[in-house]
Every structure is written in C-alpha cells, then in structure tokens.
C-alpha cells in the first residue's frame, strides 16, 4: 500500500491526519469505491483539465459526471479535458488514471464541486490503482486551501 511521494510529503508537512485503505486494483473511481466498500458519493475523483496554457484539477464525487459546459461557466473561460500524456506529465509519480484530488502539491489550481462539501468523510486516489486516502472534510479543505467551489456535476 503506497501513495505518491509528492502527495505523502505534502500531507506530512502539513500534519494532515489520514489513513490508507487498500483494495483490489481497479481502473475507475467507481470501481475503487466498490472495491473499497465506500459510498461513491464519498470518493472524490480528480479530472485533469487544460485551458491551453495551464492545467487545473476538477474534483467531484465518483457517483457524478462532469458537466464541462457548467464547469466552463464556473471558471469563466474555456477548458477541456487534458490528454492522458498531459496528465502523466503533471502527475509523474502517479499511475495513469490514479490522480489524487489534491492539486496544490502539483502546482495546480483546483475547483471542487459543491456536492463534495456535503460529505463529512472523503476518500481519494493515492496515486496508484489499489490505495485510497481517507480524510475528514476539515482535512480535505486543508489539502485544497485555495480551491474554488462550484456546481458542475450531475448524476445522469
């Protein structure tokens, strides 16, 4: 059970209280929630975005789908999903598709869906496909102190 060194250093330097949950390897946020026996509303998935010059991170529940048009309205400018090679370049110490829902340690601005704020406990990918990081809401807020908040997801 391991987490990305960049993430671990960031959390340790800030005294973040967390624990790790191991699960069978999966290839999606919903799969990780299921394998970890966690309600999918409590698993914060991260989506890497690009505005053409900079990368950003959108964080929403695994149970939800990103509404890119709403996200663009929240941000006030054009963004698109980053490609897998772009995400791999930013999250060099993470497995492809296992991006932590913490942008500050990777130098990224973050926007968090308002539905995340309703959860008392949250889980997110630790950088591999078999480890989740578990924190309470207050610790999650400390991990993303400059995050913007908005409404940009749906259950479809």
N, C-alpha and C. Protein backbone atom coordinates (compact mmCIF):
# COMPACT_ATOMS: atom_id res chain seq x y z
N UNK A 1 0.85 -1.18 0.00
CA UNK A 1 0.00 0.00 0.00
C UNK A 1 0.90 1.24 0.00
N UNK A 2 0.86 1.98 -1.09
CA UNK A 2 1.70 3.17 -1.20
C UNK A 2 0.89 4.33 -1.75
N UNK A 3 1.40 5.52 -1.48
CA UNK A 3 0.82 6.71 -2.10
C UNK A 3 1.95 7.47 -2.78
N UNK A 4 1.58 8.35 -3.69
CA UNK A 4 2.57 9.11 -4.44
C UNK A 4 3.47 9.90 -3.48
N UNK A 5 4.77 9.87 -3.69
CA UNK A 5 5.69 10.59 -2.80
C UNK A 5 5.38 12.09 -2.68
N UNK A 6 5.00 12.73 -3.79
CA UNK A 6 4.67 14.16 -3.75
C UNK A 6 3.50 14.42 -2.81
N UNK A 7 2.47 13.58 -2.92
CA UNK A 7 1.29 13.71 -2.06
C UNK A 7 1.63 13.42 -0.61
N UNK A 8 2.36 12.35 -0.36
CA UNK A 8 2.70 12.00 1.02
C UNK A 8 3.51 13.09 1.69
N UNK A 9 4.50 13.64 0.98
CA UNK A 9 5.32 14.72 1.54
C UNK A 9 4.45 15.94 1.87
N UNK A 10 3.57 16.31 0.95
CA UNK A 10 2.68 17.46 1.14
C UNK A 10 1.80 17.27 2.38
N UNK A 11 1.21 16.08 2.52
CA UNK A 11 0.33 15.83 3.67
C UNK A 11 1.12 15.79 4.97
N UNK A 12 2.27 15.15 4.95
CA UNK A 12 3.09 15.06 6.16
C UNK A 12 3.59 16.42 6.61
N UNK A 13 4.01 17.27 5.67
CA UNK A 13 4.50 18.61 6.01
C UNK A 13 3.41 19.47 6.65
N UNK A 14 2.15 19.20 6.33
CA UNK A 14 1.04 19.99 6.86
C UNK A 14 0.35 19.31 8.05
N UNK A 15 0.85 18.16 8.45
CA UNK A 15 0.27 17.47 9.59
C UNK A 15 -1.14 16.97 9.32
N UNK A 16 -1.43 16.62 8.10
CA UNK A 16 -2.77 16.13 7.74
C UNK A 16 -2.98 14.76 8.37
N UNK A 17 -4.13 14.60 9.01
CA UNK A 17 -4.49 13.30 9.59
C UNK A 17 -5.22 12.50 8.51
N UNK A 18 -4.67 11.35 8.19
CA UNK A 18 -5.25 10.50 7.15
C UNK A 18 -4.94 9.04 7.44
N UNK A 19 -5.69 8.19 6.82
CA UNK A 19 -5.33 6.78 6.83
C UNK A 19 -5.49 6.25 5.41
N UNK A 20 -4.92 5.09 5.17
CA UNK A 20 -4.94 4.49 3.84
C UNK A 20 -5.85 3.28 3.83
N UNK A 21 -6.54 3.12 2.72
CA UNK A 21 -7.43 1.97 2.53
C UNK A 21 -6.95 1.24 1.28
N UNK A 22 -6.53 0.01 1.46
CA UNK A 22 -6.11 -0.76 0.29
C UNK A 22 -7.31 -1.52 -0.26
N UNK A 23 -7.27 -1.78 -1.55
CA UNK A 23 -8.35 -2.52 -2.21
C UNK A 23 -7.77 -3.22 -3.43
N UNK A 24 -8.56 -4.11 -4.00
CA UNK A 24 -8.14 -4.78 -5.22
C UNK A 24 -7.91 -3.71 -6.30
N UNK A 25 -6.91 -3.89 -7.14
CA UNK A 25 -6.67 -2.91 -8.20
C UNK A 25 -7.90 -2.71 -9.10
N UNK A 26 -8.15 -1.45 -9.45
CA UNK A 26 -9.29 -1.09 -10.29
C UNK A 26 -8.82 -0.08 -11.34
N UNK A 27 -9.69 0.18 -12.30
CA UNK A 27 -9.33 1.13 -13.36
C UNK A 27 -10.25 2.33 -13.43
N UNK A 28 -11.12 2.50 -12.42
CA UNK A 28 -12.01 3.66 -12.41
C UNK A 28 -12.30 4.07 -10.97
N UNK A 29 -12.76 5.31 -10.81
CA UNK A 29 -13.11 5.81 -9.48
C UNK A 29 -14.29 5.01 -8.91
N UNK A 30 -15.28 4.73 -9.74
CA UNK A 30 -16.42 3.93 -9.27
C UNK A 30 -15.96 2.54 -8.86
N UNK A 31 -15.05 1.97 -9.64
CA UNK A 31 -14.51 0.66 -9.30
C UNK A 31 -13.76 0.68 -7.98
N UNK A 32 -13.01 1.75 -7.73
CA UNK A 32 -12.28 1.88 -6.47
C UNK A 32 -13.24 2.01 -5.30
N UNK A 33 -14.32 2.78 -5.47
CA UNK A 33 -15.32 2.91 -4.41
C UNK A 33 -15.93 1.55 -4.10
N UNK A 34 -16.29 0.82 -5.13
CA UNK A 34 -16.89 -0.50 -4.95
C UNK A 34 -15.90 -1.46 -4.27
N UNK A 35 -14.66 -1.50 -4.77
CA UNK A 35 -13.66 -2.41 -4.22
C UNK A 35 -13.30 -2.05 -2.78
N UNK A 36 -13.35 -0.76 -2.44
CA UNK A 36 -13.02 -0.32 -1.09
C UNK A 36 -14.22 -0.28 -0.16
N UNK A 37 -15.39 -0.71 -0.66
CA UNK A 37 -16.64 -0.71 0.13
C UNK A 37 -16.95 0.68 0.68
N UNK A 38 -16.84 1.67 -0.22
CA UNK A 38 -17.04 3.07 0.14
C UNK A 38 -18.19 3.62 -0.69
N UNK A 39 -19.10 4.37 -0.08
CA UNK A 39 -20.16 5.01 -0.88
C UNK A 39 -19.53 5.90 -1.95
N UNK A 40 -20.00 5.78 -3.18
CA UNK A 40 -19.37 6.51 -4.29
C UNK A 40 -19.49 8.03 -4.16
N UNK A 41 -20.45 8.52 -3.36
CA UNK A 41 -20.54 9.96 -3.11
C UNK A 41 -19.36 10.47 -2.28
N UNK A 42 -18.72 9.57 -1.54
CA UNK A 42 -17.61 9.96 -0.67
C UNK A 42 -16.25 9.82 -1.33
N UNK A 43 -16.22 9.25 -2.52
CA UNK A 43 -14.94 9.14 -3.22
C UNK A 43 -14.79 10.34 -4.15
N UNK A 44 -13.81 11.17 -3.85
CA UNK A 44 -13.55 12.38 -4.64
C UNK A 44 -12.64 12.03 -5.80
N UNK A 45 -13.19 12.09 -7.02
CA UNK A 45 -12.36 11.81 -8.19
C UNK A 45 -11.84 13.12 -8.76
N UNK A 46 -10.66 13.03 -9.33
CA UNK A 46 -10.00 14.20 -9.89
C UNK A 46 -9.95 14.08 -11.41
N UNK A 47 -10.29 15.17 -12.07
CA UNK A 47 -10.24 15.23 -13.52
C UNK A 47 -9.25 16.34 -13.90
N UNK A 48 -8.26 15.99 -14.70
CA UNK A 48 -7.25 16.96 -15.11
C UNK A 48 -7.76 17.73 -16.33
N UNK A 49 -7.67 19.05 -16.24
CA UNK A 49 -8.16 19.94 -17.29
C UNK A 49 -7.01 20.80 -17.82
N UNK A 50 -7.21 21.32 -19.02
CA UNK A 50 -6.25 22.24 -19.60
C UNK A 50 -7.01 23.43 -20.18
N UNK A 51 -6.44 24.61 -20.01
CA UNK A 51 -7.04 25.79 -20.63
C UNK A 51 -6.16 26.25 -21.80
N UNK A 52 -5.29 25.38 -22.24
CA UNK A 52 -4.39 25.70 -23.34
C UNK A 52 -3.01 26.11 -22.89
N UNK A 53 -2.91 26.60 -21.69
CA UNK A 53 -1.60 27.02 -21.19
C UNK A 53 -1.27 26.48 -19.81
N UNK A 54 -2.30 26.22 -19.04
CA UNK A 54 -2.11 25.72 -17.66
C UNK A 54 -3.06 24.55 -17.42
N UNK A 55 -2.67 23.75 -16.47
CA UNK A 55 -3.54 22.63 -16.07
C UNK A 55 -4.27 23.00 -14.79
N UNK A 56 -5.43 22.42 -14.61
CA UNK A 56 -6.27 22.60 -13.43
C UNK A 56 -6.80 21.24 -13.03
N UNK A 57 -7.36 21.18 -11.85
CA UNK A 57 -7.95 19.95 -11.36
C UNK A 57 -9.39 20.21 -10.96
N UNK A 58 -10.31 19.43 -11.51
CA UNK A 58 -11.71 19.48 -11.09
C UNK A 58 -11.95 18.26 -10.21
N UNK A 59 -12.58 18.47 -9.06
CA UNK A 59 -12.83 17.39 -8.10
C UNK A 59 -14.34 17.25 -7.92
N UNK A 60 -14.83 16.02 -8.10
CA UNK A 60 -16.25 15.74 -7.97
C UNK A 60 -16.43 14.33 -7.45
N UNK A 61 -17.63 14.00 -6.95
CA UNK A 61 -17.85 12.65 -6.44
C UNK A 61 -17.77 11.61 -7.56
N UNK A 62 -17.30 10.42 -7.24
CA UNK A 62 -17.24 9.33 -8.21
C UNK A 62 -18.62 8.98 -8.73
N UNK A 63 -19.65 9.27 -7.96
CA UNK A 63 -21.03 8.96 -8.35
C UNK A 63 -21.57 9.93 -9.40
N UNK A 64 -20.84 11.00 -9.68
CA UNK A 64 -21.31 12.05 -10.58
C UNK A 64 -20.51 12.08 -11.88
N UNK A 65 -21.07 12.76 -12.86
CA UNK A 65 -20.41 13.00 -14.14
C UNK A 65 -20.12 14.49 -14.27
N UNK A 66 -19.00 14.80 -14.86
CA UNK A 66 -18.60 16.18 -15.10
C UNK A 66 -19.47 16.80 -16.20
N UNK A 67 -20.00 17.99 -15.93
CA UNK A 67 -20.70 18.78 -16.95
C UNK A 67 -19.74 19.88 -17.38
N UNK A 68 -19.03 19.63 -18.47
CA UNK A 68 -17.98 20.53 -18.91
C UNK A 68 -18.51 21.93 -19.21
N UNK A 69 -19.71 22.03 -19.75
CA UNK A 69 -20.27 23.36 -20.04
C UNK A 69 -20.50 24.15 -18.75
N UNK A 70 -20.99 23.48 -17.70
CA UNK A 70 -21.18 24.15 -16.41
C UNK A 70 -19.84 24.53 -15.78
N UNK A 71 -18.86 23.67 -15.94
CA UNK A 71 -17.53 23.96 -15.39
C UNK A 71 -16.93 25.19 -16.08
N UNK A 72 -17.10 25.27 -17.38
CA UNK A 72 -16.60 26.44 -18.12
C UNK A 72 -17.27 27.72 -17.61
N UNK A 73 -18.56 27.64 -17.33
CA UNK A 73 -19.27 28.81 -16.79
C UNK A 73 -18.73 29.18 -15.41
N UNK A 74 -18.50 28.18 -14.56
CA UNK A 74 -17.97 28.43 -13.22
C UNK A 74 -16.59 29.09 -13.28
N UNK A 75 -15.76 28.60 -14.20
CA UNK A 75 -14.39 29.13 -14.31
C UNK A 75 -14.34 30.45 -15.06
N UNK A 76 -15.30 30.67 -15.94
CA UNK A 76 -15.32 31.89 -16.72
C UNK A 76 -14.42 31.88 -17.93
N UNK A 77 -13.97 30.70 -18.33
CA UNK A 77 -13.13 30.60 -19.53
C UNK A 77 -13.16 29.17 -20.07
N UNK A 78 -12.64 29.01 -21.24
CA UNK A 78 -12.62 27.71 -21.93
C UNK A 78 -11.64 26.75 -21.27
N UNK A 79 -12.07 25.53 -21.07
CA UNK A 79 -11.19 24.45 -20.62
C UNK A 79 -11.62 23.18 -21.36
N UNK A 80 -10.70 22.25 -21.43
CA UNK A 80 -11.02 20.95 -21.99
C UNK A 80 -10.30 19.88 -21.16
N UNK A 81 -10.72 18.64 -21.36
CA UNK A 81 -10.08 17.55 -20.64
C UNK A 81 -8.65 17.41 -21.14
N UNK A 82 -7.72 17.26 -20.21
CA UNK A 82 -6.33 17.03 -20.59
C UNK A 82 -6.20 15.63 -21.17
N UNK A 83 -5.25 15.45 -22.05
CA UNK A 83 -4.99 14.12 -22.60
C UNK A 83 -4.26 13.27 -21.56
N UNK A 84 -4.25 11.97 -21.78
CA UNK A 84 -3.53 11.09 -20.85
C UNK A 84 -2.04 11.45 -20.78
N UNK A 85 -1.38 11.72 -21.92
CA UNK A 85 0.04 12.12 -21.81
C UNK A 85 0.23 13.43 -21.03
N UNK A 86 -0.69 14.38 -21.19
CA UNK A 86 -0.60 15.63 -20.43
C UNK A 86 -0.74 15.35 -18.94
N UNK A 87 -1.72 14.54 -18.56
CA UNK A 87 -1.92 14.21 -17.14
C UNK A 87 -0.70 13.47 -16.58
N UNK A 88 -0.15 12.57 -17.38
CA UNK A 88 1.03 11.81 -16.94
C UNK A 88 2.23 12.73 -16.72
N UNK A 89 2.34 13.78 -17.52
CA UNK A 89 3.43 14.74 -17.38
C UNK A 89 3.33 15.51 -16.07
N UNK A 90 2.10 15.87 -15.68
CA UNK A 90 1.89 16.64 -14.45
C UNK A 90 2.02 15.73 -13.22
N UNK A 91 1.41 14.56 -13.29
CA UNK A 91 1.39 13.62 -12.15
C UNK A 91 2.39 12.50 -12.40
N UNK A 92 3.65 12.87 -12.45
CA UNK A 92 4.72 11.93 -12.82
C UNK A 92 4.89 10.77 -11.86
N UNK A 93 4.54 10.97 -10.60
CA UNK A 93 4.72 9.89 -9.63
C UNK A 93 3.43 9.12 -9.36
N UNK A 94 2.45 9.28 -10.25
CA UNK A 94 1.16 8.59 -10.12
C UNK A 94 0.94 7.66 -11.31
N UNK A 95 0.20 6.59 -11.07
CA UNK A 95 -0.20 5.73 -12.17
C UNK A 95 -1.22 6.47 -13.02
N UNK A 96 -1.22 6.21 -14.30
CA UNK A 96 -2.18 6.83 -15.21
C UNK A 96 -3.60 6.55 -14.74
N UNK A 97 -4.38 7.62 -14.55
CA UNK A 97 -5.77 7.45 -14.12
C UNK A 97 -5.96 7.35 -12.61
N UNK A 98 -4.89 7.49 -11.85
CA UNK A 98 -5.00 7.42 -10.38
C UNK A 98 -4.56 8.74 -9.76
N UNK A 99 -5.11 9.83 -10.28
CA UNK A 99 -4.74 11.18 -9.87
C UNK A 99 -5.37 11.53 -8.51
N UNK A 100 -4.57 11.96 -7.55
CA UNK A 100 -5.12 12.40 -6.26
C UNK A 100 -5.96 13.67 -6.42
N UNK A 101 -6.96 13.83 -5.58
CA UNK A 101 -7.84 15.00 -5.61
C UNK A 101 -7.23 16.16 -4.83
N UNK A 102 -5.93 16.35 -4.99
CA UNK A 102 -5.17 17.40 -4.32
C UNK A 102 -4.29 18.06 -5.36
N UNK A 103 -4.55 19.31 -5.69
CA UNK A 103 -3.80 19.97 -6.75
C UNK A 103 -2.62 20.79 -6.29
N UNK A 104 -2.69 21.33 -5.07
CA UNK A 104 -1.66 22.26 -4.62
C UNK A 104 -0.26 21.65 -4.64
N UNK A 105 -0.13 20.40 -4.26
CA UNK A 105 1.20 19.80 -4.20
C UNK A 105 1.79 19.58 -5.60
N UNK A 106 0.94 19.65 -6.62
CA UNK A 106 1.41 19.53 -8.01
C UNK A 106 1.36 20.88 -8.73
N UNK A 107 1.13 21.96 -7.99
CA UNK A 107 1.13 23.30 -8.56
C UNK A 107 -0.10 23.63 -9.38
N UNK A 108 -1.22 22.96 -9.10
CA UNK A 108 -2.44 23.16 -9.89
C UNK A 108 -3.51 23.90 -9.10
N UNK A 109 -4.26 24.75 -9.81
CA UNK A 109 -5.47 25.32 -9.25
C UNK A 109 -6.52 24.22 -9.21
N UNK A 110 -7.42 24.31 -8.24
CA UNK A 110 -8.44 23.29 -8.04
C UNK A 110 -9.82 23.93 -7.98
N UNK A 111 -10.79 23.26 -8.59
CA UNK A 111 -12.19 23.62 -8.41
C UNK A 111 -12.91 22.37 -7.90
N UNK A 112 -13.65 22.53 -6.82
CA UNK A 112 -14.33 21.42 -6.15
C UNK A 112 -15.83 21.57 -6.32
N UNK A 113 -16.47 20.50 -6.74
CA UNK A 113 -17.92 20.52 -6.87
C UNK A 113 -18.55 20.68 -5.48
N UNK A 114 -19.60 21.51 -5.41
CA UNK A 114 -20.26 21.78 -4.12
C UNK A 114 -20.74 20.52 -3.41
N UNK A 115 -21.08 19.47 -4.16
CA UNK A 115 -21.57 18.25 -3.52
C UNK A 115 -20.50 17.57 -2.66
N UNK A 116 -19.23 17.83 -2.93
CA UNK A 116 -18.14 17.30 -2.11
C UNK A 116 -18.18 17.91 -0.71
N UNK A 117 -18.56 19.17 -0.64
CA UNK A 117 -18.59 19.88 0.64
C UNK A 117 -19.61 19.29 1.61
N UNK A 118 -20.55 18.52 1.13
CA UNK A 118 -21.60 17.93 1.98
C UNK A 118 -21.14 16.65 2.67
N UNK A 119 -20.00 16.13 2.28
CA UNK A 119 -19.51 14.86 2.84
C UNK A 119 -18.63 15.11 4.07
N UNK A 120 -18.92 14.40 5.14
CA UNK A 120 -18.11 14.54 6.36
C UNK A 120 -16.78 13.79 6.24
N UNK A 121 -16.77 12.72 5.47
CA UNK A 121 -15.56 11.93 5.25
C UNK A 121 -15.37 11.78 3.76
N UNK A 122 -14.12 11.82 3.32
CA UNK A 122 -13.81 11.68 1.91
C UNK A 122 -12.67 10.71 1.69
N UNK A 123 -12.69 10.10 0.54
CA UNK A 123 -11.63 9.20 0.09
C UNK A 123 -11.19 9.70 -1.28
N UNK A 124 -9.92 9.49 -1.61
CA UNK A 124 -9.45 9.83 -2.95
C UNK A 124 -8.26 8.95 -3.30
N UNK A 125 -8.01 8.84 -4.61
CA UNK A 125 -6.91 8.02 -5.09
C UNK A 125 -5.59 8.53 -4.53
N UNK A 126 -4.74 7.60 -4.15
CA UNK A 126 -3.45 7.97 -3.58
C UNK A 126 -2.31 8.01 -4.59
N UNK A 127 -2.62 7.69 -5.85
CA UNK A 127 -1.58 7.72 -6.87
C UNK A 127 -1.34 6.37 -7.53
N UNK A 128 -1.98 5.33 -6.98
CA UNK A 128 -1.93 4.03 -7.65
C UNK A 128 -3.38 3.55 -7.80
N UNK A 129 -3.57 2.37 -8.28
CA UNK A 129 -4.93 1.87 -8.50
C UNK A 129 -5.40 0.93 -7.40
N UNK A 130 -4.69 0.93 -6.27
CA UNK A 130 -5.05 0.00 -5.20
C UNK A 130 -5.03 0.63 -3.81
N UNK A 131 -4.88 1.96 -3.74
CA UNK A 131 -4.81 2.64 -2.44
C UNK A 131 -5.65 3.91 -2.47
N UNK A 132 -6.50 4.05 -1.46
CA UNK A 132 -7.28 5.27 -1.28
C UNK A 132 -6.81 5.97 -0.01
N UNK A 133 -6.85 7.29 -0.04
CA UNK A 133 -6.54 8.10 1.14
C UNK A 133 -7.87 8.51 1.75
N UNK A 134 -8.00 8.35 3.06
CA UNK A 134 -9.22 8.69 3.79
C UNK A 134 -8.94 9.87 4.72
N UNK A 135 -9.74 10.92 4.58
CA UNK A 135 -9.63 12.11 5.43
C UNK A 135 -11.02 12.59 5.80
N UNK A 136 -11.10 13.43 6.84
CA UNK A 136 -12.38 14.07 7.12
C UNK A 136 -12.48 15.36 6.31
N UNK A 137 -13.63 15.99 6.32
CA UNK A 137 -13.88 17.17 5.49
C UNK A 137 -12.91 18.31 5.82
N UNK A 138 -12.64 18.52 7.11
CA UNK A 138 -11.75 19.60 7.51
C UNK A 138 -10.34 19.38 6.96
N UNK A 139 -9.86 18.17 7.01
CA UNK A 139 -8.52 17.86 6.47
C UNK A 139 -8.50 18.01 4.96
N UNK A 140 -9.57 17.60 4.30
CA UNK A 140 -9.65 17.75 2.85
C UNK A 140 -9.59 19.23 2.47
N UNK A 141 -10.27 20.07 3.23
CA UNK A 141 -10.24 21.51 2.98
C UNK A 141 -8.82 22.05 3.17
N UNK A 142 -8.10 21.53 4.15
CA UNK A 142 -6.70 21.95 4.37
C UNK A 142 -5.80 21.51 3.22
N UNK A 143 -6.14 20.40 2.57
CA UNK A 143 -5.35 19.93 1.43
C UNK A 143 -5.53 20.81 0.20
N UNK A 144 -6.68 21.44 0.10
CA UNK A 144 -7.01 22.28 -1.05
C UNK A 144 -7.43 23.68 -0.58
N UNK A 145 -6.53 24.40 0.11
CA UNK A 145 -6.94 25.65 0.78
C UNK A 145 -7.37 26.77 -0.16
N UNK A 146 -6.86 26.81 -1.37
CA UNK A 146 -7.18 27.90 -2.30
C UNK A 146 -8.23 27.49 -3.33
N UNK A 147 -8.85 26.35 -3.13
CA UNK A 147 -9.78 25.82 -4.14
C UNK A 147 -11.00 26.71 -4.34
N UNK A 148 -11.40 26.81 -5.57
CA UNK A 148 -12.65 27.43 -5.95
C UNK A 148 -13.74 26.37 -5.79
N UNK A 149 -14.96 26.77 -5.54
CA UNK A 149 -16.08 25.83 -5.41
C UNK A 149 -17.16 26.22 -6.39
N UNK A 150 -17.87 25.21 -6.90
CA UNK A 150 -18.94 25.49 -7.85
C UNK A 150 -19.77 24.25 -8.10
N UNK A 151 -20.76 24.41 -8.94
CA UNK A 151 -21.66 23.30 -9.28
C UNK A 151 -21.45 22.92 -10.74
N UNK A 152 -20.87 21.74 -10.97
CA UNK A 152 -20.55 21.34 -12.34
C UNK A 152 -20.65 19.82 -12.55
N UNK A 153 -21.45 19.13 -11.74
CA UNK A 153 -21.60 17.69 -11.93
C UNK A 153 -23.07 17.29 -11.90
N UNK A 154 -23.33 16.10 -12.42
CA UNK A 154 -24.68 15.57 -12.46
C UNK A 154 -24.62 14.05 -12.31
N UNK A 155 -25.74 13.47 -11.88
CA UNK A 155 -25.80 12.01 -11.73
C UNK A 155 -26.11 11.27 -13.02
N UNK A 156 -26.63 11.94 -14.02
CA UNK A 156 -27.01 11.30 -15.29
C UNK A 156 -27.49 9.90 -15.12
